[in-house]
């Protein structure tokens, strides 16, 4: 599982990506998908 600083940095990067997407639904969907995949991976790491 990522440590707290890495999680904060990833969250800030995602916020900036969302701001820069400026309504581009394709880009926003990619960000959401990538975030969901990262969350599921971290969730799996926590259970093992």
N, C-alpha and C. Protein backbone atom coordinates (compact mmCIF):
# COMPACT_ATOMS: atom_id res chain seq x y z
N UNK A 1 0.84 -1.18 0.00
CA UNK A 1 0.00 0.00 0.00
C UNK A 1 0.89 1.25 0.00
N UNK A 2 0.46 2.26 -0.73
CA UNK A 2 1.24 3.49 -0.82
C UNK A 2 1.25 4.19 0.53
N UNK A 3 2.37 4.84 0.81
CA UNK A 3 2.39 5.59 2.06
C UNK A 3 1.61 6.90 1.88
N UNK A 4 1.38 7.57 2.97
CA UNK A 4 0.50 8.74 2.99
C UNK A 4 0.95 9.84 2.04
N UNK A 5 2.25 10.13 1.98
CA UNK A 5 2.75 11.19 1.09
C UNK A 5 2.49 10.86 -0.37
N UNK A 6 2.69 9.59 -0.76
CA UNK A 6 2.44 9.18 -2.13
C UNK A 6 0.96 9.33 -2.49
N UNK A 7 0.09 8.99 -1.54
CA UNK A 7 -1.35 9.12 -1.78
C UNK A 7 -1.74 10.58 -1.96
N UNK A 8 -1.15 11.46 -1.15
CA UNK A 8 -1.45 12.89 -1.28
C UNK A 8 -0.96 13.40 -2.62
N UNK A 9 0.25 13.04 -3.02
CA UNK A 9 0.80 13.48 -4.30
C UNK A 9 -0.06 12.99 -5.46
N UNK A 10 -0.49 11.74 -5.43
CA UNK A 10 -1.34 11.20 -6.49
C UNK A 10 -2.67 11.94 -6.54
N UNK A 11 -3.23 12.23 -5.38
CA UNK A 11 -4.49 12.96 -5.33
C UNK A 11 -4.37 14.35 -5.92
N UNK A 12 -3.28 15.04 -5.60
CA UNK A 12 -3.06 16.37 -6.16
C UNK A 12 -2.85 16.32 -7.67
N UNK A 13 -2.13 15.32 -8.14
CA UNK A 13 -1.93 15.16 -9.59
C UNK A 13 -3.27 14.93 -10.29
N UNK A 14 -4.12 14.12 -9.68
CA UNK A 14 -5.42 13.83 -10.28
C UNK A 14 -6.30 15.08 -10.32
N UNK A 15 -6.25 15.89 -9.28
CA UNK A 15 -7.01 17.14 -9.27
C UNK A 15 -6.55 18.05 -10.40
N UNK A 16 -5.23 18.17 -10.58
CA UNK A 16 -4.70 19.01 -11.65
C UNK A 16 -5.09 18.46 -13.02
N UNK A 17 -5.08 17.14 -13.19
CA UNK A 17 -5.48 16.54 -14.46
C UNK A 17 -6.95 16.85 -14.75
N UNK A 18 -7.79 16.78 -13.73
CA UNK A 18 -9.21 17.08 -13.91
C UNK A 18 -9.41 18.54 -14.31
N UNK A 19 -8.69 19.44 -13.65
CA UNK A 19 -8.79 20.86 -13.98
C UNK A 19 -8.33 21.09 -15.42
N UNK A 20 -7.23 20.45 -15.81
CA UNK A 20 -6.69 20.64 -17.16
C UNK A 20 -7.54 20.00 -18.24
N UNK A 21 -8.35 18.99 -17.89
CA UNK A 21 -9.20 18.32 -18.87
C UNK A 21 -10.27 19.27 -19.41
N UNK A 22 -10.71 20.23 -18.60
CA UNK A 22 -11.65 21.29 -19.01
C UNK A 22 -12.87 20.74 -19.75
N UNK A 23 -13.50 19.73 -19.19
CA UNK A 23 -14.74 19.22 -19.77
C UNK A 23 -14.55 18.18 -20.86
N UNK A 24 -13.32 17.79 -21.16
CA UNK A 24 -13.07 16.73 -22.14
C UNK A 24 -13.49 15.40 -21.52
N UNK A 25 -14.68 14.92 -21.89
CA UNK A 25 -15.23 13.74 -21.24
C UNK A 25 -14.37 12.50 -21.45
N UNK A 26 -13.72 12.40 -22.57
CA UNK A 26 -12.83 11.26 -22.80
C UNK A 26 -11.68 11.24 -21.82
N UNK A 27 -11.08 12.40 -21.62
CA UNK A 27 -9.96 12.51 -20.67
C UNK A 27 -10.45 12.29 -19.25
N UNK A 28 -11.61 12.84 -18.91
CA UNK A 28 -12.16 12.65 -17.56
C UNK A 28 -12.46 11.18 -17.30
N UNK A 29 -12.99 10.48 -18.30
CA UNK A 29 -13.27 9.05 -18.14
C UNK A 29 -11.99 8.26 -17.90
N UNK A 30 -10.91 8.62 -18.58
CA UNK A 30 -9.62 7.95 -18.38
C UNK A 30 -9.11 8.16 -16.96
N UNK A 31 -9.26 9.39 -16.46
CA UNK A 31 -8.81 9.70 -15.10
C UNK A 31 -9.60 8.88 -14.09
N UNK A 32 -10.92 8.82 -14.26
CA UNK A 32 -11.77 8.06 -13.35
C UNK A 32 -11.42 6.58 -13.40
N UNK A 33 -11.21 6.05 -14.59
CA UNK A 33 -10.87 4.63 -14.74
C UNK A 33 -9.53 4.32 -14.07
N UNK A 34 -8.55 5.17 -14.31
CA UNK A 34 -7.23 4.96 -13.71
C UNK A 34 -7.30 5.05 -12.18
N UNK A 35 -8.06 6.02 -11.68
CA UNK A 35 -8.23 6.17 -10.24
C UNK A 35 -8.92 4.95 -9.64
N UNK A 36 -9.94 4.47 -10.32
CA UNK A 36 -10.67 3.29 -9.85
C UNK A 36 -9.76 2.07 -9.81
N UNK A 37 -8.94 1.90 -10.84
CA UNK A 37 -8.01 0.78 -10.89
C UNK A 37 -6.98 0.88 -9.76
N UNK A 38 -6.47 2.08 -9.52
CA UNK A 38 -5.50 2.28 -8.43
C UNK A 38 -6.14 1.98 -7.08
N UNK A 39 -7.39 2.42 -6.89
CA UNK A 39 -8.10 2.18 -5.64
C UNK A 39 -8.29 0.68 -5.42
N UNK A 40 -8.72 -0.02 -6.46
CA UNK A 40 -8.93 -1.46 -6.34
C UNK A 40 -7.63 -2.19 -6.06
N UNK A 41 -6.52 -1.75 -6.66
CA UNK A 41 -5.23 -2.38 -6.41
C UNK A 41 -4.81 -2.15 -4.96
N UNK A 42 -4.95 -0.92 -4.47
CA UNK A 42 -4.60 -0.62 -3.09
C UNK A 42 -5.50 -1.40 -2.13
N UNK A 43 -6.76 -1.51 -2.47
CA UNK A 43 -7.71 -2.26 -1.64
C UNK A 43 -7.30 -3.73 -1.57
N UNK A 44 -6.86 -4.28 -2.69
CA UNK A 44 -6.39 -5.67 -2.72
C UNK A 44 -5.12 -5.85 -1.93
N UNK A 45 -4.23 -4.86 -1.99
CA UNK A 45 -2.98 -4.93 -1.21
C UNK A 45 -3.26 -4.94 0.28
N UNK A 46 -4.29 -4.23 0.71
CA UNK A 46 -4.62 -4.13 2.13
C UNK A 46 -5.18 -5.43 2.67
N UNK A 47 -5.80 -6.24 1.81
CA UNK A 47 -6.42 -7.48 2.29
C UNK A 47 -5.46 -8.65 2.27
N UNK A 48 -4.31 -8.49 1.65
CA UNK A 48 -3.35 -9.61 1.60
C UNK A 48 -2.29 -9.46 2.64
